C-alpha atoms as a PDB file:
ATOM      1  CA  MET A   1      23.927 -30.605   6.317  1.00  0.00           C
ATOM      2  CA  LYS A   2      21.074 -29.250   4.048  1.00  0.00           C
ATOM      3  CA  GLY A   3      21.619 -28.778   0.284  1.00  0.00           C
ATOM      4  CA  SER A   4      20.559 -29.931  -2.990  1.00  0.00           C
ATOM      5  CA  GLN A   5      21.042 -32.786  -4.910  1.00  0.00           C
ATOM      6  CA  LEU A   6      21.387 -32.058  -8.846  1.00  0.00           C
ATOM      7  CA  THR A   7      21.024 -34.709 -11.613  1.00  0.00           C
ATOM      8  CA  ILE A   8      21.750 -33.705 -15.051  1.00  0.00           C
ATOM      9  CA  TYR A   9      20.711 -36.051 -17.872  1.00  0.00           C
ATOM     10  CA  ALA A  10      22.631 -36.345 -21.132  1.00  0.00           C
ATOM     11  CA  ALA A  11      20.870 -38.587 -23.888  1.00  0.00           C
ATOM     12  CA  ASN A  12      24.152 -39.131 -25.774  1.00  0.00           C
ATOM     13  CA  GLN A  13      27.442 -39.131 -23.798  1.00  0.00           C
ATOM     14  CA  SER A  14      29.349 -38.775 -27.227  1.00  0.00           C
ATOM     15  CA  HIS A  15      28.311 -35.114 -27.494  1.00  0.00           C
ATOM     16  CA  ARG A  16      31.445 -32.881 -26.874  1.00  0.00           C
ATOM     17  CA  VAL A  17      31.839 -29.399 -25.301  1.00  0.00           C
ATOM     18  CA  LYS A  18      35.132 -27.519 -25.278  1.00  0.00           C
ATOM     19  CA  HIS A  19      36.839 -30.444 -26.751  1.00  0.00           C
ATOM     20  CA  MET A  20      35.426 -32.705 -23.945  1.00  0.00           C
ATOM     21  CA  THR A  21      33.001 -35.377 -23.722  1.00  0.00           C
ATOM     22  CA  VAL A  22      29.698 -33.906 -22.018  1.00  0.00           C
ATOM     23  CA  VAL A  23      30.597 -36.326 -18.898  1.00  0.00           C
ATOM     24  CA  GLU A  24      34.163 -34.845 -18.517  1.00  0.00           C
ATOM     25  CA  TRP A  25      32.620 -31.193 -19.178  1.00  0.00           C
ATOM     26  CA  LEU A  26      30.054 -31.794 -16.465  1.00  0.00           C
ATOM     27  CA  LEU A  27      32.694 -32.998 -14.059  1.00  0.00           C
ATOM     28  CA  HIS A  28      35.012 -30.205 -14.713  1.00  0.00           C
ATOM     29  CA  GLU A  29      32.211 -27.491 -14.349  1.00  0.00           C
ATOM     30  CA  ALA A  30      31.492 -29.236 -11.098  1.00  0.00           C
ATOM     31  CA  LYS A  31      34.910 -29.114  -9.833  1.00  0.00           C
ATOM     32  CA  GLU A  32      35.203 -25.097 -10.739  1.00  0.00           C
ATOM     33  CA  ALA A  33      31.852 -24.498  -8.885  1.00  0.00           C
ATOM     34  CA  GLY A  34      33.456 -26.091  -5.912  1.00  0.00           C
ATOM     35  CA  ILE A  35      31.580 -29.331  -5.959  1.00  0.00           C
ATOM     36  CA  VAL A  36      33.800 -32.106  -4.840  1.00  0.00           C
ATOM     37  CA  GLY A  37      31.918 -35.304  -5.293  1.00  0.00           C
ATOM     38  CA  ALA A  38      29.740 -36.667  -8.058  1.00  0.00           C
ATOM     39  CA  THR A  39      28.498 -39.960  -9.401  1.00  0.00           C
ATOM     40  CA  VAL A  40      28.259 -40.786 -13.112  1.00  0.00           C
ATOM     41  CA  VAL A  41      25.727 -43.551 -14.170  1.00  0.00           C
ATOM     42  CA  GLU A  42      25.396 -45.126 -17.627  1.00  0.00           C
ATOM     43  CA  VAL A  43      22.060 -45.980 -18.331  1.00  0.00           C
ATOM     44  CA  ALA A  44      21.050 -48.942 -20.571  1.00  0.00           C
ATOM     45  CA  GLU A  45      18.220 -47.121 -22.494  1.00  0.00           C
ATOM     46  CA  GLY A  46      16.541 -43.640 -22.428  1.00  0.00           C
ATOM     47  CA  VAL A  47      14.091 -41.345 -24.354  1.00  0.00           C
ATOM     48  CA  ASP A  48      15.276 -37.535 -24.819  1.00  0.00           C
ATOM     49  CA  ALA A  49      13.023 -34.499 -24.323  1.00  0.00           C
ATOM     50  CA  LYS A  50      12.222 -34.876 -28.206  1.00  0.00           C
ATOM     51  CA  GLY A  51      11.083 -38.446 -27.948  1.00  0.00           C
ATOM     52  CA  ARG A  52      14.048 -39.883 -29.360  1.00  0.00           C
ATOM     53  CA  TYR A  53      15.122 -43.502 -28.177  1.00  0.00           C
ATOM     54  CA  HIS A  54      18.891 -43.780 -27.224  1.00  0.00           C
ATOM     55  CA  ALA A  55      20.522 -46.983 -26.000  1.00  0.00           C
ATOM     56  CA  ALA A  56      23.912 -48.620 -25.444  1.00  0.00           C
ATOM     57  CA  ARG A  57      24.441 -51.067 -28.217  1.00  0.00           C
ATOM     58  CA  PHE A  58      26.952 -53.972 -28.220  1.00  0.00           C
ATOM     59  CA  PHE A  59      29.461 -52.398 -30.944  1.00  0.00           C
ATOM     60  CA  GLU A  60      28.732 -48.714 -30.224  1.00  0.00           C
ATOM     61  CA  LEU A  61      28.142 -47.120 -26.855  1.00  0.00           C
ATOM     62  CA  THR A  62      28.208 -43.474 -28.063  1.00  0.00           C
ATOM     63  CA  ASP A  63      24.395 -43.048 -27.962  1.00  0.00           C
ATOM     64  CA  GLN A  64      24.312 -44.394 -24.238  1.00  0.00           C
ATOM     65  CA  PRO A  65      22.473 -42.105 -22.162  1.00  0.00           C
ATOM     66  CA  VAL A  66      24.238 -40.986 -18.860  1.00  0.00           C
ATOM     67  CA  ALA A  67      22.978 -39.364 -15.675  1.00  0.00           C
ATOM     68  CA  VAL A  68      25.358 -37.127 -13.363  1.00  0.00           C
ATOM     69  CA  THR A  69      24.370 -36.545  -9.689  1.00  0.00           C
ATOM     70  CA  LEU A  70      26.002 -33.802  -7.755  1.00  0.00           C
ATOM     71  CA  ILE A  71      25.347 -32.965  -4.118  1.00  0.00           C
ATOM     72  CA  GLY A  72      26.254 -29.782  -2.394  1.00  0.00           C
ATOM     73  CA  GLU A  73      25.154 -26.591  -0.561  1.00  0.00           C
ATOM     74  CA  ASP A  74      22.532 -24.739  -2.351  1.00  0.00           C
ATOM     75  CA  GLU A  75      25.139 -21.900  -3.127  1.00  0.00           C
ATOM     76  CA  ARG A  76      27.473 -24.250  -4.959  1.00  0.00           C
ATOM     77  CA  ILE A  77      24.356 -26.079  -7.042  1.00  0.00           C
ATOM     78  CA  ASP A  78      23.343 -22.609  -8.118  1.00  0.00           C
ATOM     79  CA  GLY A  79      26.925 -21.944  -9.204  1.00  0.00           C
ATOM     80  CA  MET A  80      26.927 -24.952 -10.986  1.00  0.00           C
ATOM     81  CA  LEU A  81      23.567 -24.045 -12.931  1.00  0.00           C
ATOM     82  CA  ALA A  82      24.777 -20.781 -13.828  1.00  0.00           C
ATOM     83  CA  ARG A  83      27.787 -22.482 -15.259  1.00  0.00           C
ATOM     84  CA  LEU A  84      25.755 -25.069 -17.252  1.00  0.00           C
ATOM     85  CA  ARG A  85      23.303 -22.219 -18.485  1.00  0.00           C
ATOM     86  CA  ALA A  86      26.523 -20.344 -19.815  1.00  0.00           C
ATOM     87  CA  GLY A  87      27.772 -23.313 -21.560  1.00  0.00           C
ATOM     88  CA  GLY A  88      25.391 -23.277 -24.000  1.00  0.00           C
ATOM     89  CA  ILE A  89      24.448 -26.997 -24.225  1.00  0.00           C
ATOM     90  CA  ARG A  90      20.819 -28.361 -24.051  1.00  0.00           C
ATOM     91  CA  LEU A  91      20.599 -30.476 -21.047  1.00  0.00           C
ATOM     92  CA  PHE A  92      17.796 -31.554 -18.708  1.00  0.00           C
ATOM     93  CA  TYR A  93      18.088 -31.770 -14.942  1.00  0.00           C
ATOM     94  CA  THR A  94      16.221 -32.129 -11.724  1.00  0.00           C
ATOM     95  CA  ARG A  95      16.931 -30.565  -8.365  1.00  0.00           C
ATOM     96  CA  THR A  96      15.823 -31.773  -4.984  1.00  0.00           C
ATOM     97  CA  PRO A  97      16.386 -30.459  -1.755  1.00  0.00           C
ATOM     98  CA  ILE A  98      18.177 -33.083   0.558  1.00  0.00           C
ATOM     99  CA  GLU A  99      19.868 -33.461   3.983  1.00  0.00           C
ATOM    100  CA  TYR A 100      23.382 -35.187   3.904  1.00  0.00           C
ATOM    101  CA  GLU A 101      26.052 -36.056   6.118  1.00  0.00           C
ATOM    102  CA  THR A 102      29.315 -38.141   6.204  1.00  0.00           C
ATOM    103  CA  LEU A 103      29.058 -41.226   8.564  1.00  0.00           C
ATOM    104  CA  GLY A 104      32.197 -42.978   9.780  1.00  0.00           C
ATOM    105  CA  THR A 105      35.877 -42.131   9.765  1.00  0.00           C
ATOM    106  CA  VAL A 106      38.403 -42.277   7.364  1.00  0.00           C
ATOM    107  CA  GLY A 107      39.861 -46.134   7.280  1.00  0.00           C
ATOM    108  CA  GLY A 108      37.265 -46.976   9.802  1.00  0.00           C
ATOM    109  CA  GLN A 109      39.153 -45.654  12.735  1.00  0.00           C
END
């Protein structure tokens, strides 16, 4: 199959959108856009678009950067981007055309 990989970078996972953390909100919006899989990666350190440094600290993880990666058909990724634009939160993302497929069978049978 052909589609796109969308990776959304949030400099601070403690930000809230509609009473949810930014990660919860992104996963909710992905589900609403028909995207069934997502990978959330918590990043140790990062620099945001304004040049500010963000890092996970021993006692406070709220400033920890996070990246959410979604893969799907271009139409679903387009729908996700439309949802994010309507959400009003400032996010940075990358989009890459990809080819993908599921290998094997459920339970290895």
